[in-house]
Amino acid sequence: MLVTDIRRPMGPTGPLPLVVFAHGWNSNPTVYETLLDSWAAAGYLVAAPVLPDSTDLLPGTPVSNYPEQALDLSFVITSLLGGRAGPVDPTRIAVAGHSDGGTDVALLALNPAYADPRVRAFLSLSGEIPAGVPGPWGVATPGSLLVAVGTEDQYGLLPRATQVFDTATMTGKVLLTVTGGDHLEMYTGTSPEAVALRAETVRFLNEALRPTGASSMQLVAALEPPGDASIVVSDR
């Protein structure tokens, strides 16, 4: 059993599109309330599990267990498809994650050992391809991918997050590079940049989860122009 924070949109009763979110290392879902609330306000059922290995809410030192956490996200999908939080639209499922959580999403998107065919949209926020996890990487995966990263990420993730994007072979993918962006606040803060970036993630979800899916060109068109000049939208 995973303790999971659930957010539901006001009004709609379902079946609802689903976003399952993975928090970062030494963290928990509460840190990301503004981001998760933006998805719920846009009409999505949002589920954010407390990942036992990497949370700061349990005793002991958090560890990065990417394979287990990727499987945890699939477990949450299975649990919610059973109706535990209300009806879910099985054709509109996304996974998202930040930092270590973004790396969990990279596993689901790029590594066939962890692929979940129910997922149609992947948001890897300041993540990377994890060292020490066997490949292959970049095997064609159905669905669409968004990778976001700041140029001033405190952990030097700009090249490693960009590698996630470059390795992906799915037909629909888009890269958001935030000039001057940091590791966390550009997703959760109150600055115009953060507000605009959250809006971009909503626009991505809406486009990626259309019945026909989305190509890279369509994703770029849906995300342009961004609401803040610091955000660069690219399909490389």
C-alpha atoms as a PDB file:
ATOM      1  CA  MET A   1       0.000   0.000   0.000  1.00  0.00           C
ATOM      2  CA  LEU A   2       1.205   3.506  -0.877  1.00  0.00           C
ATOM      3  CA  VAL A   3      -0.047   6.600   0.921  1.00  0.00           C
ATOM      4  CA  THR A   4      -1.247   8.767  -1.961  1.00  0.00           C
ATOM      5  CA  ASP A   5      -2.426  12.368  -2.085  1.00  0.00           C
ATOM      6  CA  ILE A   6      -5.462  12.734  -4.375  1.00  0.00           C
ATOM      7  CA  ARG A   7      -6.630  15.951  -6.000  1.00  0.00           C
ATOM      8  CA  ARG A   8      -9.871  16.140  -7.941  1.00  0.00           C
ATOM      9  CA  PRO A   9     -11.101  18.954 -10.168  1.00  0.00           C
ATOM     10  CA  MET A  10     -14.106  20.954  -9.056  1.00  0.00           C
ATOM     11  CA  GLY A  11     -17.237  20.060 -10.985  1.00  0.00           C
ATOM     12  CA  PRO A  12     -16.409  17.151 -13.308  1.00  0.00           C
ATOM     13  CA  THR A  13     -17.303  13.735 -11.917  1.00  0.00           C
ATOM     14  CA  GLY A  14     -15.602  11.546 -14.488  1.00  0.00           C
ATOM     15  CA  PRO A  15     -14.372   9.501 -16.053  1.00  0.00           C
ATOM     16  CA  LEU A  16     -11.417  11.814 -15.508  1.00  0.00           C
ATOM     17  CA  PRO A  17      -7.988  11.915 -17.146  1.00  0.00           C
ATOM     18  CA  LEU A  18      -5.291  10.889 -14.667  1.00  0.00           C
ATOM     19  CA  VAL A  19      -1.862  12.274 -13.799  1.00  0.00           C
ATOM     20  CA  VAL A  20       0.308  10.227 -11.423  1.00  0.00           C
ATOM     21  CA  PHE A  21       3.164  12.293  -9.962  1.00  0.00           C
ATOM     22  CA  ALA A  22       6.496  11.208  -8.440  1.00  0.00           C
ATOM     23  CA  HIS A  23       8.188  13.596  -5.996  1.00  0.00           C
ATOM     24  CA  GLY A  24      11.919  14.145  -5.722  1.00  0.00           C
ATOM     25  CA  TRP A  25      14.510  12.747  -3.320  1.00  0.00           C
ATOM     26  CA  ASN A  26      14.154  13.724   0.343  1.00  0.00           C
ATOM     27  CA  SER A  27      10.781  15.280  -0.425  1.00  0.00           C
ATOM     28  CA  ASN A  28       7.048  14.586  -0.480  1.00  0.00           C
ATOM     29  CA  PRO A  29       3.930  15.585  -2.469  1.00  0.00           C
ATOM     30  CA  THR A  30       3.159  18.607  -0.264  1.00  0.00           C
ATOM     31  CA  VAL A  31       6.224  20.405  -1.677  1.00  0.00           C
ATOM     32  CA  TYR A  32       4.573  20.388  -5.110  1.00  0.00           C
ATOM     33  CA  GLU A  33       1.095  21.611  -4.164  1.00  0.00           C
ATOM     34  CA  THR A  34       1.040  24.519  -6.617  1.00  0.00           C
ATOM     35  CA  LEU A  35       2.020  22.270  -9.527  1.00  0.00           C
ATOM     36  CA  LEU A  36      -0.413  19.505  -8.621  1.00  0.00           C
ATOM     37  CA  ASP A  37      -3.218  22.005  -8.031  1.00  0.00           C
ATOM     38  CA  SER A  38      -2.684  23.482 -11.491  1.00  0.00           C
ATOM     39  CA  TRP A  39      -3.367  20.086 -13.068  1.00  0.00           C
ATOM     40  CA  ALA A  40      -6.427  19.433 -10.916  1.00  0.00           C
ATOM     41  CA  ALA A  41      -7.792  22.894 -11.765  1.00  0.00           C
ATOM     42  CA  ALA A  42      -7.411  21.992 -15.450  1.00  0.00           C
ATOM     43  CA  GLY A  43      -9.680  18.959 -15.060  1.00  0.00           C
ATOM     44  CA  TYR A  44      -7.266  16.180 -14.158  1.00  0.00           C
ATOM     45  CA  LEU A  45      -7.453  13.636 -11.361  1.00  0.00           C
ATOM     46  CA  VAL A  46      -4.002  13.940  -9.755  1.00  0.00           C
ATOM     47  CA  ALA A  47      -2.443  11.195  -7.655  1.00  0.00           C
ATOM     48  CA  ALA A  48       0.860  11.803  -5.856  1.00  0.00           C
ATOM     49  CA  PRO A  49       2.133   8.816  -3.865  1.00  0.00           C
ATOM     50  CA  VAL A  50       4.555   9.142  -0.975  1.00  0.00           C
ATOM     51  CA  LEU A  51       7.437   7.057  -2.326  1.00  0.00           C
ATOM     52  CA  PRO A  52       8.815   5.104   0.660  1.00  0.00           C
ATOM     53  CA  ASP A  53      12.434   4.944  -0.481  1.00  0.00           C
ATOM     54  CA  SER A  54      12.946   8.644  -1.198  1.00  0.00           C
ATOM     55  CA  THR A  55      10.483  10.547   0.996  1.00  0.00           C
ATOM     56  CA  ASP A  56      11.420  12.745   3.936  1.00  0.00           C
ATOM     57  CA  LEU A  57       8.295  11.686   5.831  1.00  0.00           C
ATOM     58  CA  LEU A  58       9.610   8.322   7.050  1.00  0.00           C
ATOM     59  CA  PRO A  59      12.478   7.409   9.392  1.00  0.00           C
ATOM     60  CA  GLY A  60      15.903   6.743   7.944  1.00  0.00           C
ATOM     61  CA  THR A  61      17.949   8.244   5.133  1.00  0.00           C
ATOM     62  CA  PRO A  62      16.135   8.574   1.796  1.00  0.00           C
ATOM     63  CA  VAL A  63      17.610   6.607  -1.104  1.00  0.00           C
ATOM     64  CA  SER A  64      17.187   6.779  -4.877  1.00  0.00           C
ATOM     65  CA  ASN A  65      15.482   3.566  -5.963  1.00  0.00           C
ATOM     66  CA  TYR A  66      14.398   4.431  -9.491  1.00  0.00           C
ATOM     67  CA  PRO A  67      13.290   0.977 -10.688  1.00  0.00           C
ATOM     68  CA  GLU A  68      11.104   0.404  -7.638  1.00  0.00           C
ATOM     69  CA  GLN A  69       9.606   3.870  -7.880  1.00  0.00           C
ATOM     70  CA  ALA A  70       8.801   3.467 -11.572  1.00  0.00           C
ATOM     71  CA  LEU A  71       6.912   0.305 -10.651  1.00  0.00           C
ATOM     72  CA  ASP A  72       5.184   2.224  -7.839  1.00  0.00           C
ATOM     73  CA  LEU A  73       3.746   4.635 -10.402  1.00  0.00           C
ATOM     74  CA  SER A  74       2.307   1.751 -12.414  1.00  0.00           C
ATOM     75  CA  PHE A  75       0.888   0.296  -9.208  1.00  0.00           C
ATOM     76  CA  VAL A  76      -0.924   3.560  -8.484  1.00  0.00           C
ATOM     77  CA  ILE A  77      -2.384   3.550 -11.992  1.00  0.00           C
ATOM     78  CA  THR A  78      -3.681   0.020 -11.480  1.00  0.00           C
ATOM     79  CA  SER A  79      -5.194   0.933  -8.115  1.00  0.00           C
ATOM     80  CA  LEU A  80      -6.977   4.004  -9.449  1.00  0.00           C
ATOM     81  CA  LEU A  81      -8.292   2.269 -12.555  1.00  0.00           C
ATOM     82  CA  GLY A  82     -10.190   0.134 -10.092  1.00  0.00           C
ATOM     83  CA  GLY A  83     -12.216   3.206  -9.122  1.00  0.00           C
ATOM     84  CA  ARG A  84     -10.782   3.911  -5.669  1.00  0.00           C
ATOM     85  CA  ALA A  85     -10.795   7.677  -6.319  1.00  0.00           C
ATOM     86  CA  GLY A  86     -13.673   7.751  -8.778  1.00  0.00           C
ATOM     87  CA  PRO A  87     -13.919   6.776 -12.437  1.00  0.00           C
ATOM     88  CA  VAL A  88     -10.758   7.223 -14.534  1.00  0.00           C
ATOM     89  CA  ASP A  89     -10.565   7.533 -18.313  1.00  0.00           C
ATOM     90  CA  PRO A  90      -8.207   4.654 -19.219  1.00  0.00           C
ATOM     91  CA  THR A  91      -7.310   6.306 -22.537  1.00  0.00           C
ATOM     92  CA  ARG A  92      -5.988   9.507 -20.905  1.00  0.00           C
ATOM     93  CA  ILE A  93      -3.260   8.592 -18.428  1.00  0.00           C
ATOM     94  CA  ALA A  94      -0.062  10.558 -17.780  1.00  0.00           C
ATOM     95  CA  VAL A  95       2.905  10.165 -15.457  1.00  0.00           C
ATOM     96  CA  ALA A  96       4.960  13.099 -14.241  1.00  0.00           C
ATOM     97  CA  GLY A  97       7.837  13.552 -11.853  1.00  0.00           C
ATOM     98  CA  HIS A  98      10.435  16.025 -10.635  1.00  0.00           C
ATOM     99  CA  SER A  99      14.146  15.396 -10.030  1.00  0.00           C
ATOM    100  CA  ASP A 100      14.369  11.745  -8.885  1.00  0.00           C
ATOM    101  CA  GLY A 101      10.701  11.525  -9.871  1.00  0.00           C
ATOM    102  CA  GLY A 102      11.583  12.855 -13.310  1.00  0.00           C
ATOM    103  CA  THR A 103      14.130  10.065 -13.544  1.00  0.00           C
ATOM    104  CA  ASP A 104      11.407   7.556 -12.633  1.00  0.00           C
ATOM    105  CA  VAL A 105       9.386   8.926 -15.554  1.00  0.00           C
ATOM    106  CA  ALA A 106      12.408   8.614 -17.852  1.00  0.00           C
ATOM    107  CA  LEU A 107      12.533   4.912 -16.960  1.00  0.00           C
ATOM    108  CA  LEU A 108       8.886   4.463 -17.935  1.00  0.00           C
ATOM    109  CA  ALA A 109       9.332   6.416 -21.162  1.00  0.00           C
ATOM    110  CA  LEU A 110      12.683   5.090 -22.395  1.00  0.00           C
ATOM    111  CA  ASN A 111      13.321   1.627 -20.948  1.00  0.00           C
ATOM    112  CA  PRO A 112      11.168  -1.283 -22.188  1.00  0.00           C
ATOM    113  CA  ALA A 113      11.647  -3.179 -18.924  1.00  0.00           C
ATOM    114  CA  TYR A 114       9.513  -0.543 -17.186  1.00  0.00           C
ATOM    115  CA  ALA A 115       7.186   0.503 -20.015  1.00  0.00           C
ATOM    116  CA  ASP A 116       3.505   0.777 -19.124  1.00  0.00           C
ATOM    117  CA  PRO A 117       1.319   0.723 -22.255  1.00  0.00           C
ATOM    118  CA  ARG A 118      -1.497   2.472 -20.405  1.00  0.00           C
ATOM    119  CA  VAL A 119       0.523   5.702 -20.195  1.00  0.00           C
ATOM    120  CA  ARG A 120       0.141   8.140 -23.073  1.00  0.00           C
ATOM    121  CA  ALA A 121       1.941  11.222 -21.748  1.00  0.00           C
ATOM    122  CA  PHE A 122       5.225  11.541 -19.839  1.00  0.00           C
ATOM    123  CA  LEU A 123       6.508  14.664 -18.055  1.00  0.00           C
ATOM    124  CA  SER A 124      10.138  14.395 -16.927  1.00  0.00           C
ATOM    125  CA  LEU A 125      10.903  17.547 -14.955  1.00  0.00           C
ATOM    126  CA  SER A 126      14.616  18.020 -14.248  1.00  0.00           C
ATOM    127  CA  GLY A 127      15.259  14.270 -14.428  1.00  0.00           C
ATOM    128  CA  GLU A 128      17.937  12.125 -16.044  1.00  0.00           C
ATOM    129  CA  ILE A 129      18.705   8.647 -17.342  1.00  0.00           C
ATOM    130  CA  PRO A 130      19.779   6.779 -14.194  1.00  0.00           C
ATOM    131  CA  ALA A 131      23.240   5.302 -13.974  1.00  0.00           C
ATOM    132  CA  GLY A 132      23.428   1.633 -13.086  1.00  0.00           C
ATOM    133  CA  VAL A 133      20.052   0.643 -14.544  1.00  0.00           C
ATOM    134  CA  PRO A 134      20.467  -1.760 -17.495  1.00  0.00           C
ATOM    135  CA  GLY A 135      19.148  -0.695 -20.912  1.00  0.00           C
ATOM    136  CA  PRO A 136      18.283  -0.705 -23.671  1.00  0.00           C
ATOM    137  CA  TRP A 137      17.297   2.949 -23.696  1.00  0.00           C
ATOM    138  CA  GLY A 138      15.301   4.858 -26.272  1.00  0.00           C
ATOM    139  CA  VAL A 139      13.217   1.971 -27.581  1.00  0.00           C
ATOM    140  CA  ALA A 140      10.191   3.432 -29.365  1.00  0.00           C
ATOM    141  CA  THR A 141       7.389   4.049 -26.858  1.00  0.00           C
ATOM    142  CA  PRO A 142       3.825   5.074 -27.692  1.00  0.00           C
ATOM    143  CA  GLY A 143       2.798   8.429 -26.298  1.00  0.00           C
ATOM    144  CA  SER A 144       4.268  11.908 -25.938  1.00  0.00           C
ATOM    145  CA  LEU A 145       7.133  13.238 -23.825  1.00  0.00           C
ATOM    146  CA  LEU A 146       7.784  16.626 -22.226  1.00  0.00           C
ATOM    147  CA  VAL A 147      11.220  17.286 -20.752  1.00  0.00           C
ATOM    148  CA  ALA A 148      11.794  20.497 -18.771  1.00  0.00           C
ATOM    149  CA  VAL A 149      14.992  21.792 -17.175  1.00  0.00           C
ATOM    150  CA  GLY A 150      16.512  25.088 -16.038  1.00  0.00           C
ATOM    151  CA  THR A 151      19.797  26.408 -17.339  1.00  0.00           C
ATOM    152  CA  GLU A 152      20.869  27.230 -13.759  1.00  0.00           C
ATOM    153  CA  ASP A 153      19.807  23.933 -12.203  1.00  0.00           C
ATOM    154  CA  GLN A 154      21.768  23.607  -8.956  1.00  0.00           C
ATOM    155  CA  TYR A 155      22.545  19.948  -9.646  1.00  0.00           C
ATOM    156  CA  GLY A 156      23.856  20.486 -13.159  1.00  0.00           C
ATOM    157  CA  LEU A 157      20.969  18.634 -14.766  1.00  0.00           C
ATOM    158  CA  LEU A 158      20.761  20.667 -17.979  1.00  0.00           C
ATOM    159  CA  PRO A 159      22.835  18.216 -20.091  1.00  0.00           C
ATOM    160  CA  ARG A 160      21.425  15.144 -18.381  1.00  0.00           C
ATOM    161  CA  ALA A 161      17.785  16.168 -18.770  1.00  0.00           C
ATOM    162  CA  THR A 162      18.491  17.111 -22.375  1.00  0.00           C
ATOM    163  CA  GLN A 163      19.907  13.599 -22.844  1.00  0.00           C
ATOM    164  CA  VAL A 164      16.525  12.189 -21.786  1.00  0.00           C
ATOM    165  CA  PHE A 165      14.906  14.203 -24.566  1.00  0.00           C
ATOM    166  CA  ASP A 166      17.516  13.311 -27.191  1.00  0.00           C
ATOM    167  CA  THR A 167      17.373   9.595 -26.365  1.00  0.00           C
ATOM    168  CA  ALA A 168      13.580   9.365 -26.693  1.00  0.00           C
ATOM    169  CA  THR A 169      12.383   7.977 -30.028  1.00  0.00           C
ATOM    170  CA  MET A 170       8.662   8.633 -29.621  1.00  0.00           C
ATOM    171  CA  THR A 171       7.086  10.658 -32.409  1.00  0.00           C
ATOM    172  CA  GLY A 172       5.767  13.347 -30.078  1.00  0.00           C
ATOM    173  CA  LYS A 173       8.252  15.070 -27.794  1.00  0.00           C
ATOM    174  CA  VAL A 174       9.015  18.623 -26.704  1.00  0.00           C
ATOM    175  CA  LEU A 175      11.815  20.224 -24.685  1.00  0.00           C
ATOM    176  CA  LEU A 176      11.295  23.223 -22.389  1.00  0.00           C
ATOM    177  CA  THR A 177      14.528  24.979 -21.423  1.00  0.00           C
ATOM    178  CA  VAL A 178      14.073  27.729 -18.856  1.00  0.00           C
ATOM    179  CA  THR A 179      16.733  30.421 -19.101  1.00  0.00           C
ATOM    180  CA  GLY A 180      17.962  31.117 -15.578  1.00  0.00           C
ATOM    181  CA  GLY A 181      15.663  28.430 -14.216  1.00  0.00           C
ATOM    182  CA  ASP A 182      16.598  26.617 -11.005  1.00  0.00           C
ATOM    183  CA  HIS A 183      15.873  23.092  -9.799  1.00  0.00           C
ATOM    184  CA  LEU A 184      12.559  23.443  -7.928  1.00  0.00           C
ATOM    185  CA  GLU A 185      11.134  26.952  -7.658  1.00  0.00           C
ATOM    186  CA  MET A 186      10.588  27.293 -11.393  1.00  0.00           C
ATOM    187  CA  TYR A 187       7.904  24.603 -11.025  1.00  0.00           C
ATOM    188  CA  THR A 188       6.413  25.471  -7.633  1.00  0.00           C
ATOM    189  CA  GLY A 189       7.068  29.168  -7.069  1.00  0.00           C
ATOM    190  CA  THR A 190       4.953  32.278  -7.572  1.00  0.00           C
ATOM    191  CA  SER A 191       7.122  34.092 -10.125  1.00  0.00           C
ATOM    192  CA  PRO A 192       5.733  34.844 -13.610  1.00  0.00           C
ATOM    193  CA  GLU A 193       8.181  32.248 -14.942  1.00  0.00           C
ATOM    194  CA  ALA A 194       6.817  29.522 -12.642  1.00  0.00           C
ATOM    195  CA  VAL A 195       3.187  30.391 -13.389  1.00  0.00           C
ATOM    196  CA  ALA A 196       3.927  30.259 -17.130  1.00  0.00           C
ATOM    197  CA  LEU A 197       5.793  26.963 -16.842  1.00  0.00           C
ATOM    198  CA  ARG A 198       2.910  25.317 -15.003  1.00  0.00           C
ATOM    199  CA  ALA A 199       0.587  26.560 -17.738  1.00  0.00           C
ATOM    200  CA  GLU A 200       2.870  24.963 -20.341  1.00  0.00           C
ATOM    201  CA  THR A 201       2.592  21.591 -18.610  1.00  0.00           C
ATOM    202  CA  VAL A 202      -1.210  21.863 -18.735  1.00  0.00           C
ATOM    203  CA  ARG A 203      -1.119  22.719 -22.434  1.00  0.00           C
ATOM    204  CA  PHE A 204       1.119  19.717 -23.022  1.00  0.00           C
ATOM    205  CA  LEU A 205      -1.245  17.368 -21.193  1.00  0.00           C
ATOM    206  CA  ASN A 206      -4.247  18.661 -23.109  1.00  0.00           C
ATOM    207  CA  GLU A 207      -2.506  18.173 -26.456  1.00  0.00           C
ATOM    208  CA  ALA A 208      -0.738  14.877 -25.692  1.00  0.00           C
ATOM    209  CA  LEU A 209      -3.908  13.214 -24.399  1.00  0.00           C
ATOM    210  CA  ARG A 210      -6.058  14.046 -27.392  1.00  0.00           C
ATOM    211  CA  PRO A 211      -7.642  10.902 -28.902  1.00  0.00           C
ATOM    212  CA  THR A 212      -5.275  11.022 -31.894  1.00  0.00           C
ATOM    213  CA  GLY A 213      -2.154  11.790 -29.866  1.00  0.00           C
ATOM    214  CA  ALA A 214       0.300  14.484 -30.916  1.00  0.00           C
ATOM    215  CA  SER A 215       3.412  14.823 -33.056  1.00  0.00           C
ATOM    216  CA  SER A 216       6.386  16.918 -31.986  1.00  0.00           C
ATOM    217  CA  MET A 217       5.262  19.650 -34.372  1.00  0.00           C
ATOM    218  CA  GLN A 218       1.787  19.684 -32.843  1.00  0.00           C
ATOM    219  CA  LEU A 219       3.200  19.830 -29.315  1.00  0.00           C
ATOM    220  CA  VAL A 220       5.437  22.770 -30.158  1.00  0.00           C
ATOM    221  CA  ALA A 221       2.514  24.569 -31.796  1.00  0.00           C
ATOM    222  CA  ALA A 222       0.359  23.981 -28.697  1.00  0.00           C
ATOM    223  CA  LEU A 223       3.038  25.318 -26.344  1.00  0.00           C
ATOM    224  CA  GLU A 224       4.000  28.357 -28.409  1.00  0.00           C
ATOM    225  CA  PRO A 225       4.165  31.129 -27.460  1.00  0.00           C
ATOM    226  CA  PRO A 226       5.038  30.455 -23.809  1.00  0.00           C
ATOM    227  CA  GLY A 227       3.737  32.877 -21.224  1.00  0.00           C
ATOM    228  CA  ASP A 228       7.221  33.990 -20.176  1.00  0.00           C
ATOM    229  CA  ALA A 229      10.210  34.934 -22.333  1.00  0.00           C
ATOM    230  CA  SER A 230      12.547  32.748 -20.250  1.00  0.00           C
ATOM    231  CA  ILE A 231      10.896  29.555 -21.547  1.00  0.00           C
ATOM    232  CA  VAL A 232      12.297  28.167 -24.798  1.00  0.00           C
ATOM    233  CA  VAL A 233      10.112  25.569 -26.557  1.00  0.00           C
ATOM    234  CA  SER A 234      11.898  23.186 -28.913  1.00  0.00           C
ATOM    235  CA  ASP A 235      11.655  19.852 -30.684  1.00  0.00           C
ATOM    236  CA  ARG A 236      15.442  20.144 -31.409  1.00  0.00           C
END
